[in-house]
Protein backbone atom coordinates (compact mmCIF):
# COMPACT_ATOMS: atom_id res chain seq x y z
CA MET A 1 -0.23 -0.05 0.03
CA GLU A 2 1.48 3.27 -1.24
CA ILE A 3 0.63 6.38 0.49
CA LYS A 4 0.49 9.65 -1.58
CA ILE A 5 1.05 13.17 -0.33
CA SER A 6 -0.39 15.71 -2.52
CA THR A 7 1.13 19.29 -3.25
CA ASN A 8 -1.95 20.50 -1.47
CA GLN A 9 -1.53 18.71 1.65
CA ILE A 10 2.32 19.84 1.50
CA LEU A 11 1.23 23.46 0.94
CA ALA A 12 -1.51 23.11 3.82
CA VAL A 13 1.55 21.97 6.34
CA LEU A 14 3.90 24.43 5.48
CA HIS A 15 1.22 27.11 5.84
CA VAL A 16 0.55 25.76 9.65
CA LEU A 17 4.46 25.96 9.96
CA SER A 18 4.80 29.12 8.22
CA TRP A 19 2.26 30.64 10.69
CA ILE A 20 3.95 29.11 13.79
CA ILE A 21 7.19 30.79 12.84
CA PHE A 22 5.81 34.09 11.71
CA LEU A 23 4.12 34.42 14.98
CA GLY A 24 7.15 33.14 17.10
CA LEU A 25 9.14 36.16 14.87
CA CYS A 26 6.58 38.56 15.65
CA PHE A 27 6.87 37.84 19.22
CA GLU A 28 10.79 37.84 19.36
CA ALA A 29 10.60 41.22 17.36
CA GLY A 30 8.16 42.90 19.63
CA ALA A 31 9.56 41.57 23.12
CA LEU A 32 13.14 43.14 21.50
CA MET A 33 11.69 46.35 20.90
CA VAL A 34 9.71 46.49 24.60
CA ASN A 35 12.91 45.48 26.21
CA ALA A 36 14.87 48.06 24.87
CA VAL A 37 12.50 50.82 25.08
CA MET A 38 12.20 50.08 28.96
CA THR A 39 16.12 50.29 29.22
CA LEU A 40 16.41 53.52 27.57
CA THR A 41 13.57 54.75 29.62
CA LEU A 42 12.90 53.29 32.73
CA ASP A 43 15.56 51.08 34.15
CA PRO A 44 18.98 50.55 32.51
CA THR A 45 19.74 47.68 35.14
CA GLU A 46 17.46 45.65 33.11
CA THR A 47 20.17 45.04 30.12
CA LYS A 48 20.86 42.09 32.30
CA HIS A 49 17.49 40.70 31.92
CA LEU A 50 17.15 41.13 28.17
CA TRP A 51 15.04 39.13 26.38
CA MET A 52 16.47 35.52 26.15
CA LEU A 53 18.99 36.63 28.96
CA ILE A 54 20.98 38.09 26.81
CA ASP A 55 22.96 40.52 29.05
CA PHE A 56 24.15 43.98 27.51
CA SER A 57 25.25 45.55 30.63
CA ASP A 58 28.68 46.26 30.03
CA LEU A 59 27.97 47.65 26.30
CA TYR A 60 25.40 49.92 28.04
CA ASN A 61 27.80 50.96 30.55
CA TYR A 62 30.47 51.41 27.66
CA GLY A 63 28.17 53.85 25.89
CA SER A 64 24.33 54.13 25.72
CA GLN A 65 24.73 54.84 22.16
CA HIS A 66 26.70 51.66 21.36
CA TYR A 67 23.40 50.15 23.05
CA VAL A 68 21.17 51.72 21.14
CA VAL A 69 23.19 51.02 17.71
CA ILE A 70 23.49 47.36 18.60
CA MET A 71 19.50 46.96 19.54
CA SER A 72 18.63 48.60 16.51
CA GLN A 73 20.52 46.17 14.58
CA ILE A 74 19.12 43.35 16.21
CA ILE A 75 15.31 44.60 15.91
CA ILE A 76 15.92 45.47 12.48
CA VAL A 77 17.06 41.82 11.56
CA ALA A 78 13.96 40.29 14.02
CA VAL A 79 11.50 42.59 12.14
CA LEU A 80 13.06 41.72 8.30
CA LYS A 81 12.80 37.83 9.51
CA ALA A 82 9.28 38.54 10.36
CA LEU A 83 8.29 40.48 7.32
CA MET A 84 9.67 37.55 5.49
CA PHE A 85 7.47 34.89 6.96
CA TYR A 86 4.39 37.24 6.67
CA LEU A 87 5.00 37.37 2.87
CA ILE A 88 5.12 33.59 3.03
CA VAL A 89 2.00 33.16 5.10
CA LYS A 90 0.21 35.71 2.84
CA ILE A 91 1.14 33.94 -0.27
CA LEU A 92 0.22 30.57 0.80
CA TYR A 93 -2.91 32.14 2.41
CA GLU A 94 -3.96 33.93 -0.85
CA LYS A 95 -3.56 30.83 -3.07
CA LYS A 96 -1.22 32.18 -5.30
CA LEU A 97 0.82 29.23 -6.04
CA ASP A 98 -1.26 27.73 -8.94
CA MET A 99 0.22 24.57 -9.69
CA ALA A 100 -1.43 24.81 -13.23
CA GLN A 101 0.16 27.79 -14.26
CA PRO A 102 3.07 28.11 -11.90
CA PHE A 103 4.95 31.22 -13.93
CA ASN A 104 2.74 34.02 -12.50
CA PRO A 105 3.53 37.88 -12.04
CA ALA A 106 2.44 37.51 -8.13
CA LEU A 107 4.72 34.96 -7.43
CA ARG A 108 7.71 36.41 -9.27
CA ARG A 109 7.28 39.35 -7.35
CA PHE A 110 7.23 37.37 -4.11
CA ILE A 111 10.26 35.60 -4.62
CA LEU A 112 11.96 39.19 -5.56
CA LEU A 113 10.56 40.96 -2.44
CA VAL A 114 11.81 37.86 -0.14
CA SER A 115 15.01 38.28 -1.83
CA TYR A 116 14.97 41.83 -0.75
CA LEU A 117 14.23 40.85 2.82
CA ALA A 118 17.03 38.23 2.48
CA LEU A 119 19.66 41.19 1.14
CA GLY A 120 18.37 43.29 4.19
CA ILE A 121 18.66 40.79 6.86
CA GLY A 122 22.43 39.95 5.69
CA PHE A 123 23.32 43.73 5.39
CA PHE A 124 21.93 44.43 8.87
CA SER A 125 23.48 41.14 10.92
CA GLY A 126 26.55 41.83 8.93
CA TRP A 127 26.84 45.19 10.04
CA GLY A 128 25.83 44.37 13.49
CA ALA A 129 28.60 41.58 13.67
CA GLU A 130 31.13 43.97 12.54
CA TYR A 131 29.77 46.60 14.87
CA SER A 132 30.27 43.76 17.92
CA LYS A 133 33.58 42.80 16.82
CA GLY A 134 34.77 46.14 17.21
CA LEU A 135 33.39 46.75 20.20
CA VAL A 136 35.19 43.33 21.59
CA GLN A 137 38.31 44.76 20.44
CA GLN A 138 37.84 47.69 22.77
CA GLY A 139 37.40 45.70 25.66
CA VAL A 140 33.59 45.56 25.82
CA VAL A 141 32.39 42.15 27.08
CA MET A 142 29.32 41.49 24.06
CA PRO A 143 26.95 38.24 23.77
CA SER A 144 28.10 35.93 20.96
CA LEU A 145 26.80 36.74 17.48
CA ASP A 146 24.48 33.43 17.79
CA ASP A 147 22.85 34.57 21.26
CA MET A 148 22.21 38.27 19.40
CA HIS A 149 21.12 36.52 16.03
CA LEU A 150 23.48 38.60 13.96
CA ASP A 151 25.20 35.66 12.86
CA GLY A 152 25.42 33.96 9.38
CA SER A 153 24.91 37.47 7.34
CA ASP A 154 27.10 35.39 4.46
CA VAL A 155 24.29 32.78 4.30
CA TRP A 156 21.61 35.25 3.96
CA LEU A 157 23.50 37.28 1.21
CA PHE A 158 23.81 33.56 -0.29
CA ILE A 159 20.37 33.03 -0.19
CA TRP A 160 19.58 36.81 -1.80
CA ILE A 161 21.64 35.62 -5.08
CA ILE A 162 19.84 32.04 -5.62
CA LEU A 163 16.47 34.11 -4.89
CA LEU A 164 17.48 36.80 -7.57
CA ILE A 165 18.39 33.75 -10.19
CA ILE A 166 15.13 32.01 -9.91
CA ALA A 167 13.15 35.22 -10.11
CA GLN A 168 15.19 35.75 -13.36
CA ILE A 169 14.19 32.03 -14.41
CA PHE A 170 10.36 32.65 -13.36
CA LYS A 171 10.61 36.17 -15.46
CA ARG A 172 11.74 33.91 -18.43
CA GLY A 173 8.95 31.22 -17.29
CA ILE A 174 6.49 33.70 -18.00
CA GLU A 175 7.39 35.19 -20.95
CA ILE A 176 7.38 31.42 -22.14
CA GLN A 177 3.99 30.80 -20.68
CA SER A 178 2.50 33.78 -22.16
CA GLU A 179 4.19 33.05 -25.61
CA ASN A 180 2.69 29.33 -25.59
CA ASP A 181 -1.03 30.64 -24.35
CA LEU A 182 -1.02 33.11 -27.51
CA THR A 183 -0.22 30.18 -29.66
CA ILE A 184 -3.06 28.25 -28.64
């Protein structure tokens, strides 16, 4: 007996997983924003109890402007990741993935938007990583790049290039598909 899993079933599972990831990323971005604002406006000692127990107390004591820069970069990366999954949830919800006509302008636009978000994530995480390394060289005790979610900028830039190539393939696929529609 063979079990066959259809494309629609796989897309339904991916839709649920995308929702879960999207909600988690939204929660993380929101928690980071709230903690950063609380630290800057209410109680600077809260830098020891930041989201995920990341300790930025040494950074804050070194200079609050450096704290603002690092937290801004972390928050921007978190928001861009949440936006990426929002686009994934949106395209799966609107059912723009038509398997009968897979090459369509909406899907190409989606791929381009996700690629630009990957570029932004790669840029800001790389910038944050370099900024953090510079602070470590000045003697500031910093959490690891992994803890700050600023690692892997090269992977995000690699994803950006791959998605741009796929978008160009989709562009050509749309052209061929429209030519075939006209000949029928």
